[in-house]
Amino acid sequence: MIAAALDFICLELRTYLGVAEADVTAGAARMLAGPDRPPGVYLSVVNIHEDAALRSQPRVERGGVSQRVGPPLHLNIDLLFAFEFPTYAASLAHLSKTIERFQLKPLFSSDTQAAPDATPLPVSIEKLVFEMVNVDFEDLHHLWGALGTAYLPSVLYRVRLVKAQASAEASAPGGAR
């Protein structure tokens, strides 16, 4: 589900920025430290955690037989967008357009009516919500130091990913009544 979300985000960003497929890449943060990286936008997952505030207990549904159904999974993915184009001005322009994209449309949902030419959200994902993360100078220094490279124009987003409910169901304790 995380890989599907990243593929969707890359496609959405390529379309909005009007760049070639090779210009938007998702991968490990270590790719930012490589000397041979081509120009473009780099997306990298820097943290994943469950949104505990939205955690709920498994539900028991009765439809002739009691079944335990796990609640939908809510993950927060901290996603770094780094920009390195041939000129610094081009990098800043693409950074600005990326921020503009997620400011104009911070929610992608399978429930909403999409434009006919819009990229469909993967079936395994119910919703993606983008929220910019403010990173202070010291934390930014630590992040780029951990990546092992010099700072690139970048922005960090927390992407709230809601996975559609798993289809695997287990019988509830005690069976049907």
Protein backbone atom coordinates (compact mmCIF):
# COMPACT_ATOMS: atom_id res chain seq x y z
CA MET A 1 0.00 0.00 0.00
CA ILE A 2 2.89 2.41 0.71
CA ALA A 3 4.52 1.71 -2.66
CA ALA A 4 1.15 2.23 -4.38
CA ALA A 5 0.75 5.56 -2.57
CA LEU A 6 4.24 6.70 -3.67
CA ASP A 7 3.55 5.68 -7.27
CA PHE A 8 0.31 7.70 -7.18
CA ILE A 9 2.07 10.75 -5.69
CA CYS A 10 4.85 10.59 -8.31
CA LEU A 11 2.33 10.40 -11.14
CA GLU A 12 0.26 13.24 -9.68
CA LEU A 13 3.37 15.41 -9.29
CA ARG A 14 4.68 14.64 -12.80
CA THR A 15 1.33 15.63 -14.26
CA TYR A 16 1.07 18.86 -12.26
CA LEU A 17 4.68 19.95 -12.83
CA GLY A 18 4.59 18.94 -16.49
CA VAL A 19 7.90 17.09 -16.30
CA ALA A 20 9.10 13.82 -17.81
CA GLU A 21 8.64 10.50 -16.03
CA ALA A 22 12.36 10.30 -15.22
CA ASP A 23 12.23 13.73 -13.52
CA VAL A 24 10.24 12.48 -10.49
CA THR A 25 11.79 9.59 -8.59
CA ALA A 26 10.78 7.83 -5.39
CA GLY A 27 13.44 5.89 -3.57
CA ALA A 28 15.68 5.51 -0.57
CA ALA A 29 17.06 8.71 0.90
CA ARG A 30 20.60 7.50 0.18
CA MET A 31 19.99 8.25 -3.53
CA LEU A 32 20.25 11.94 -2.57
CA ALA A 33 23.88 11.41 -1.53
CA GLY A 34 24.91 9.82 -4.85
CA PRO A 35 27.23 11.82 -7.09
CA ASP A 36 25.55 10.70 -10.31
CA ARG A 37 21.98 11.70 -9.57
CA PRO A 38 20.23 13.21 -12.57
CA PRO A 39 18.25 16.43 -12.14
CA GLY A 40 14.72 16.12 -10.86
CA VAL A 41 12.40 15.73 -7.88
CA TYR A 42 13.26 13.07 -5.32
CA LEU A 43 10.66 11.62 -2.95
CA SER A 44 11.83 9.65 0.03
CA VAL A 45 10.02 8.19 3.02
CA VAL A 46 11.83 9.38 6.15
CA ASN A 47 9.41 8.04 8.77
CA ILE A 48 6.26 5.94 9.09
CA HIS A 49 4.04 5.69 12.14
CA GLU A 50 0.50 4.71 12.99
CA ASP A 51 -1.93 7.50 13.81
CA ALA A 52 -2.83 6.26 17.30
CA ALA A 53 -5.55 8.90 17.74
CA LEU A 54 -7.55 7.23 14.99
CA ARG A 55 -6.98 3.67 16.20
CA SER A 56 -10.17 1.86 17.07
CA GLN A 57 -11.05 -1.57 18.34
CA PRO A 58 -11.92 -4.34 15.90
CA ARG A 59 -15.61 -4.43 15.14
CA VAL A 60 -17.77 -7.50 15.38
CA GLU A 61 -20.34 -7.68 12.62
CA ARG A 62 -23.29 -10.01 12.72
CA GLY A 63 -24.59 -11.28 9.43
CA GLY A 64 -25.69 -14.73 10.41
CA VAL A 65 -22.17 -15.38 11.74
CA SER A 66 -20.15 -13.16 14.05
CA GLN A 67 -16.91 -12.05 12.50
CA ARG A 68 -14.09 -9.92 13.74
CA VAL A 69 -13.25 -7.20 11.23
CA GLY A 70 -10.09 -5.20 11.75
CA PRO A 71 -10.46 -1.42 11.61
CA PRO A 72 -8.97 0.52 8.69
CA LEU A 73 -5.26 1.23 9.10
CA HIS A 74 -4.27 4.89 9.48
CA LEU A 75 -0.60 5.60 8.80
CA ASN A 76 1.35 8.83 8.79
CA ILE A 77 4.16 8.84 6.25
CA ASP A 78 6.72 11.61 6.51
CA LEU A 79 7.71 12.21 2.91
CA LEU A 80 10.65 14.36 1.88
CA PHE A 81 10.43 16.13 -1.49
CA ALA A 82 13.91 17.29 -2.58
CA PHE A 83 14.55 19.28 -5.76
CA GLU A 84 17.72 19.38 -7.84
CA PHE A 85 17.34 20.81 -11.32
CA PRO A 86 20.06 22.31 -13.55
CA THR A 87 19.56 25.76 -12.00
CA TYR A 88 18.74 26.78 -8.46
CA ALA A 89 15.88 28.93 -9.80
CA ALA A 90 14.35 25.90 -11.55
CA SER A 91 14.62 23.88 -8.33
CA LEU A 92 12.85 26.64 -6.39
CA ALA A 93 10.17 26.98 -9.08
CA HIS A 94 9.39 23.25 -8.93
CA LEU A 95 9.41 23.35 -5.12
CA SER A 96 6.94 26.25 -5.21
CA LYS A 97 4.64 24.44 -7.65
CA THR A 98 4.72 21.31 -5.47
CA ILE A 99 3.69 23.31 -2.40
CA GLU A 100 1.01 24.98 -4.52
CA ARG A 101 -0.32 21.58 -5.64
CA PHE A 102 -0.82 20.22 -2.15
CA GLN A 103 -2.14 23.56 -0.87
CA LEU A 104 -4.78 23.59 -3.62
CA LYS A 105 -5.62 19.91 -3.20
CA PRO A 106 -4.49 18.46 0.14
CA LEU A 107 -6.97 15.54 -0.01
CA PHE A 108 -7.12 12.70 -2.49
CA SER A 109 -9.97 10.31 -1.80
CA SER A 110 -11.65 7.39 -3.52
CA ASP A 111 -15.00 8.86 -2.35
CA THR A 112 -14.74 12.21 -4.13
CA GLN A 113 -15.81 12.74 -7.71
CA ALA A 114 -12.66 13.11 -9.77
CA ALA A 115 -12.20 14.91 -13.04
CA PRO A 116 -12.31 12.51 -16.01
CA ASP A 117 -8.58 12.98 -16.67
CA ALA A 118 -7.58 12.68 -12.98
CA THR A 119 -5.29 9.92 -11.79
CA PRO A 120 -7.38 7.36 -9.89
CA LEU A 121 -6.33 6.56 -6.33
CA PRO A 122 -5.11 2.95 -5.96
CA VAL A 123 -7.91 0.57 -4.90
CA SER A 124 -6.06 -0.41 -1.71
CA ILE A 125 -6.06 3.20 -0.47
CA GLU A 126 -9.15 5.03 0.73
CA LYS A 127 -7.60 8.45 1.29
CA LEU A 128 -4.37 10.49 1.19
CA VAL A 129 -4.19 13.77 3.11
CA PHE A 130 -1.17 16.07 2.73
CA GLU A 131 -0.01 18.31 5.56
CA MET A 132 3.21 20.33 5.38
CA VAL A 133 5.54 19.72 8.32
CA ASN A 134 7.41 22.69 9.75
CA VAL A 135 11.00 21.65 10.42
CA ASP A 136 13.22 23.92 12.50
CA PHE A 137 16.77 24.67 11.41
CA GLU A 138 18.41 22.25 13.85
CA ASP A 139 16.17 19.31 12.87
CA LEU A 140 16.70 20.15 9.21
CA HIS A 141 20.47 20.08 9.78
CA HIS A 142 20.18 16.66 11.48
CA LEU A 143 17.97 15.28 8.69
CA TRP A 144 20.33 16.30 5.90
CA GLY A 145 23.35 15.21 7.95
CA ALA A 146 21.77 11.77 8.35
CA LEU A 147 21.18 11.67 4.58
CA GLY A 148 24.90 12.30 4.10
CA THR A 149 24.62 15.06 1.54
CA ALA A 150 24.44 18.81 1.20
CA TYR A 151 21.07 20.49 1.58
CA LEU A 152 18.79 20.64 -1.45
CA PRO A 153 15.69 22.83 -1.71
CA SER A 154 13.09 20.61 -0.07
CA VAL A 155 9.82 20.32 1.79
CA LEU A 156 8.58 17.70 4.22
CA TYR A 157 4.97 16.54 4.12
CA ARG A 158 3.11 14.28 6.48
CA VAL A 159 0.90 12.15 4.28
CA ARG A 160 -1.98 10.62 6.18
CA LEU A 161 -2.73 7.37 4.45
CA VAL A 162 -5.95 5.53 5.16
CA LYS A 163 -5.86 1.98 3.90
CA ALA A 164 -9.08 0.37 2.92
CA GLN A 165 -10.17 -2.27 5.38
CA ALA A 166 -8.44 -5.61 5.00
CA SER A 167 -10.58 -8.27 3.41
CA ALA A 168 -9.29 -11.08 5.64
CA GLU A 169 -11.74 -11.74 8.43
CA ALA A 170 -11.49 -14.05 11.41
CA SER A 171 -14.33 -15.60 13.33
CA ALA A 172 -15.18 -13.76 16.52
CA PRO A 173 -14.68 -15.59 19.81
CA GLY A 174 -17.80 -17.45 20.90
CA GLY A 175 -19.20 -17.88 17.39
CA ALA A 176 -22.72 -16.90 16.32
CA ARG A 177 -25.53 -16.45 18.80
